[in-house]
Amino acid sequence: MHLLNILAVVGSPELITIFLPLFVLTVLVVSAIPYWLIAQKAGYPGPVSLLMFVPIANIVVIWMFALADWPVLASTQAASIQNRS
């Protein structure tokens, strides 16, 4: 059953106008946290992860993470090369 139909059966329209924006905001925040952490672990700034909520840009960001050289790996490799010399 559709979420709005469930809310219409369960509660009043006032409840829907309060609950639905809170629900959407909660889902956005909860889904933004892993994207933010992935971006930081890859060496990119955390706010890059907010592009995951922009249509078309989210596809570009996923491909960027998949194909680009991660800054954190570049700095790790540079440090290991310096340690060898």
N, C-alpha and C. Protein backbone atom coordinates (compact mmCIF):
# COMPACT_ATOMS: atom_id res chain seq x y z
N MET A 1 0.85 -1.18 0.00
CA MET A 1 0.00 0.00 0.00
C MET A 1 0.89 1.24 0.00
N HIS A 2 0.50 2.25 -0.68
CA HIS A 2 1.26 3.49 -0.79
C HIS A 2 1.32 4.18 0.57
N LEU A 3 2.43 4.84 0.87
CA LEU A 3 2.64 5.48 2.17
C LEU A 3 1.55 6.50 2.49
N LEU A 4 1.17 7.30 1.51
CA LEU A 4 0.13 8.31 1.76
C LEU A 4 -1.21 7.66 2.06
N ASN A 5 -1.50 6.54 1.40
CA ASN A 5 -2.74 5.83 1.70
C ASN A 5 -2.74 5.29 3.12
N ILE A 6 -1.61 4.78 3.55
CA ILE A 6 -1.50 4.26 4.92
C ILE A 6 -1.71 5.40 5.91
N LEU A 7 -1.05 6.54 5.65
CA LEU A 7 -1.20 7.67 6.56
C LEU A 7 -2.62 8.21 6.55
N ALA A 8 -3.27 8.17 5.40
CA ALA A 8 -4.65 8.66 5.32
C ALA A 8 -5.58 7.78 6.14
N VAL A 9 -5.30 6.49 6.17
CA VAL A 9 -6.13 5.58 6.96
C VAL A 9 -5.82 5.74 8.44
N VAL A 10 -4.54 5.89 8.77
CA VAL A 10 -4.11 5.93 10.17
C VAL A 10 -4.40 7.26 10.83
N GLY A 11 -4.13 8.36 10.15
CA GLY A 11 -4.20 9.64 10.83
C GLY A 11 -4.94 10.70 10.06
N SER A 12 -4.96 11.84 10.66
CA SER A 12 -5.64 13.00 10.09
C SER A 12 -4.73 13.70 9.08
N PRO A 13 -5.27 14.58 8.25
CA PRO A 13 -4.43 15.32 7.31
C PRO A 13 -3.37 16.17 8.02
N GLU A 14 -3.67 16.67 9.21
CA GLU A 14 -2.68 17.44 9.96
C GLU A 14 -1.49 16.56 10.32
N LEU A 15 -1.77 15.32 10.68
CA LEU A 15 -0.70 14.39 11.03
C LEU A 15 0.16 14.10 9.81
N ILE A 16 -0.46 13.99 8.65
CA ILE A 16 0.29 13.73 7.43
C ILE A 16 1.21 14.91 7.11
N THR A 17 0.72 16.12 7.26
CA THR A 17 1.54 17.29 6.94
C THR A 17 2.71 17.44 7.91
N ILE A 18 2.61 16.88 9.09
CA ILE A 18 3.71 16.91 10.05
C ILE A 18 4.64 15.72 9.84
N PHE A 19 4.05 14.53 9.68
CA PHE A 19 4.84 13.31 9.63
C PHE A 19 5.63 13.17 8.32
N LEU A 20 5.02 13.48 7.21
CA LEU A 20 5.68 13.25 5.92
C LEU A 20 6.96 14.06 5.75
N PRO A 21 6.98 15.36 6.02
CA PRO A 21 8.26 16.09 5.90
C PRO A 21 9.33 15.58 6.88
N LEU A 22 8.92 15.21 8.08
CA LEU A 22 9.88 14.65 9.03
C LEU A 22 10.44 13.32 8.54
N PHE A 23 9.58 12.51 7.96
CA PHE A 23 10.00 11.22 7.42
C PHE A 23 10.99 11.42 6.28
N VAL A 24 10.68 12.33 5.36
CA VAL A 24 11.56 12.59 4.22
C VAL A 24 12.90 13.14 4.71
N LEU A 25 12.89 14.06 5.63
CA LEU A 25 14.12 14.63 6.18
C LEU A 25 14.97 13.56 6.86
N THR A 26 14.32 12.68 7.61
CA THR A 26 15.03 11.59 8.28
C THR A 26 15.69 10.67 7.27
N VAL A 27 14.96 10.31 6.23
CA VAL A 27 15.53 9.43 5.20
C VAL A 27 16.71 10.10 4.51
N LEU A 28 16.60 11.39 4.22
CA LEU A 28 17.70 12.10 3.58
C LEU A 28 18.94 12.14 4.47
N VAL A 29 18.76 12.43 5.74
CA VAL A 29 19.90 12.51 6.65
C VAL A 29 20.54 11.14 6.84
N VAL A 30 19.71 10.12 7.03
CA VAL A 30 20.24 8.77 7.25
C VAL A 30 20.97 8.26 6.00
N SER A 31 20.48 8.60 4.83
CA SER A 31 21.16 8.14 3.62
C SER A 31 22.37 9.00 3.28
N ALA A 32 22.45 10.22 3.78
CA ALA A 32 23.60 11.09 3.49
C ALA A 32 24.83 10.68 4.31
N ILE A 33 24.62 10.13 5.48
CA ILE A 33 25.74 9.79 6.36
C ILE A 33 26.71 8.79 5.71
N PRO A 34 26.24 7.66 5.14
CA PRO A 34 27.22 6.75 4.52
C PRO A 34 27.94 7.37 3.33
N TYR A 35 27.22 8.17 2.53
CA TYR A 35 27.88 8.83 1.39
C TYR A 35 28.99 9.76 1.88
N TRP A 36 28.71 10.49 2.94
CA TRP A 36 29.68 11.42 3.51
C TRP A 36 30.92 10.66 3.99
N LEU A 37 30.70 9.56 4.69
CA LEU A 37 31.81 8.78 5.22
C LEU A 37 32.64 8.16 4.11
N ILE A 38 31.99 7.68 3.05
CA ILE A 38 32.71 7.10 1.92
C ILE A 38 33.58 8.16 1.26
N ALA A 39 33.01 9.34 1.06
CA ALA A 39 33.78 10.43 0.43
C ALA A 39 35.00 10.78 1.27
N GLN A 40 34.83 10.87 2.58
CA GLN A 40 35.96 11.20 3.45
C GLN A 40 37.02 10.10 3.45
N LYS A 41 36.59 8.84 3.47
CA LYS A 41 37.57 7.74 3.47
C LYS A 41 38.33 7.67 2.16
N ALA A 42 37.69 8.13 1.08
CA ALA A 42 38.37 8.14 -0.22
C ALA A 42 39.30 9.33 -0.35
N GLY A 43 39.21 10.29 0.56
CA GLY A 43 40.08 11.45 0.52
C GLY A 43 39.43 12.68 -0.10
N TYR A 44 38.16 12.59 -0.41
CA TYR A 44 37.43 13.74 -0.96
C TYR A 44 36.75 14.48 0.19
N PRO A 45 36.43 15.76 0.00
CA PRO A 45 35.70 16.47 1.04
C PRO A 45 34.29 15.88 1.21
N GLY A 46 33.81 15.84 2.43
CA GLY A 46 32.50 15.27 2.72
C GLY A 46 31.35 15.88 1.94
N PRO A 47 31.33 17.20 1.74
CA PRO A 47 30.21 17.81 1.02
C PRO A 47 30.04 17.31 -0.42
N VAL A 48 31.06 16.67 -0.99
CA VAL A 48 30.90 16.09 -2.32
C VAL A 48 29.78 15.07 -2.31
N SER A 49 29.58 14.42 -1.17
CA SER A 49 28.55 13.39 -1.06
C SER A 49 27.14 13.96 -1.22
N LEU A 50 26.96 15.25 -1.00
CA LEU A 50 25.63 15.84 -1.16
C LEU A 50 25.19 15.85 -2.62
N LEU A 51 26.14 15.70 -3.53
CA LEU A 51 25.79 15.60 -4.95
C LEU A 51 25.02 14.31 -5.25
N MET A 52 25.05 13.36 -4.33
CA MET A 52 24.29 12.12 -4.53
C MET A 52 22.79 12.38 -4.56
N PHE A 53 22.35 13.52 -4.10
CA PHE A 53 20.93 13.84 -4.09
C PHE A 53 20.51 14.69 -5.30
N VAL A 54 21.47 14.97 -6.18
CA VAL A 54 21.18 15.76 -7.38
C VAL A 54 21.08 14.80 -8.56
N PRO A 55 19.96 14.78 -9.25
CA PRO A 55 19.83 13.87 -10.40
C PRO A 55 20.93 14.13 -11.43
N ILE A 56 21.36 13.12 -12.07
CA ILE A 56 22.45 13.08 -13.04
C ILE A 56 23.80 13.26 -12.35
N ALA A 57 23.92 14.21 -11.45
CA ALA A 57 25.19 14.40 -10.73
C ALA A 57 25.51 13.18 -9.89
N ASN A 58 24.49 12.50 -9.37
CA ASN A 58 24.75 11.31 -8.55
C ASN A 58 25.42 10.21 -9.38
N ILE A 59 25.05 10.10 -10.63
CA ILE A 59 25.68 9.09 -11.49
C ILE A 59 27.13 9.48 -11.76
N VAL A 60 27.37 10.76 -11.98
CA VAL A 60 28.73 11.24 -12.22
C VAL A 60 29.60 11.01 -10.99
N VAL A 61 29.07 11.25 -9.80
CA VAL A 61 29.84 11.07 -8.57
C VAL A 61 30.19 9.60 -8.36
N ILE A 62 29.26 8.71 -8.63
CA ILE A 62 29.55 7.28 -8.47
C ILE A 62 30.67 6.87 -9.41
N TRP A 63 30.60 7.32 -10.67
CA TRP A 63 31.66 6.99 -11.63
C TRP A 63 32.99 7.65 -11.23
N MET A 64 32.92 8.84 -10.67
CA MET A 64 34.13 9.52 -10.22
C MET A 64 34.79 8.70 -9.11
N PHE A 65 34.00 8.24 -8.15
CA PHE A 65 34.55 7.41 -7.08
C PHE A 65 35.11 6.09 -7.62
N ALA A 66 34.46 5.55 -8.63
CA ALA A 66 34.88 4.26 -9.16
C ALA A 66 36.15 4.35 -10.01
N LEU A 67 36.29 5.41 -10.80
CA LEU A 67 37.37 5.45 -11.78
C LEU A 67 38.53 6.38 -11.43
N ALA A 68 38.30 7.37 -10.61
CA ALA A 68 39.35 8.34 -10.30
C ALA A 68 40.35 7.75 -9.30
N ASP A 69 41.56 8.29 -9.31
CA ASP A 69 42.54 7.94 -8.28
C ASP A 69 42.14 8.65 -7.00
N TRP A 70 41.97 7.89 -5.95
CA TRP A 70 41.53 8.47 -4.69
C TRP A 70 42.69 9.24 -4.06
N PRO A 71 42.44 10.45 -3.61
CA PRO A 71 43.51 11.23 -2.97
C PRO A 71 44.14 10.53 -1.78
N VAL A 72 43.37 9.79 -1.02
CA VAL A 72 43.93 9.11 0.15
C VAL A 72 44.92 8.03 -0.28
N LEU A 73 44.67 7.36 -1.41
CA LEU A 73 45.61 6.35 -1.89
C LEU A 73 46.87 7.00 -2.44
N ALA A 74 46.72 8.12 -3.10
CA ALA A 74 47.90 8.81 -3.64
C ALA A 74 48.83 9.26 -2.52
N SER A 75 48.27 9.80 -1.44
CA SER A 75 49.10 10.24 -0.33
C SER A 75 49.73 9.05 0.40
N THR A 76 49.03 7.94 0.48
CA THR A 76 49.57 6.73 1.11
C THR A 76 50.71 6.16 0.29
N GLN A 77 50.52 6.14 -1.04
CA GLN A 77 51.58 5.64 -1.91
C GLN A 77 52.81 6.54 -1.87
N ALA A 78 52.60 7.85 -1.83
CA ALA A 78 53.72 8.79 -1.75
C ALA A 78 54.49 8.61 -0.45
N ALA A 79 53.77 8.37 0.64
CA ALA A 79 54.43 8.16 1.93
C ALA A 79 55.23 6.87 1.94
N SER A 80 54.72 5.81 1.30
CA SER A 80 55.44 4.55 1.28
C SER A 80 56.69 4.65 0.40
N ILE A 81 56.64 5.46 -0.65
CA ILE A 81 57.81 5.66 -1.52
C ILE A 81 58.88 6.43 -0.75
N GLN A 82 58.48 7.44 0.02
CA GLN A 82 59.45 8.21 0.82
C GLN A 82 60.07 7.36 1.88
N ASN A 83 59.32 6.43 2.46
CA ASN A 83 59.86 5.55 3.51
C ASN A 83 60.90 4.59 2.95
N ARG A 84 60.76 4.21 1.67
CA ARG A 84 61.71 3.28 1.07
C ARG A 84 63.06 3.95 0.81
N SER A 85 63.06 5.25 0.54
CA SER A 85 64.33 5.89 0.21
C SER A 85 65.10 6.35 1.40
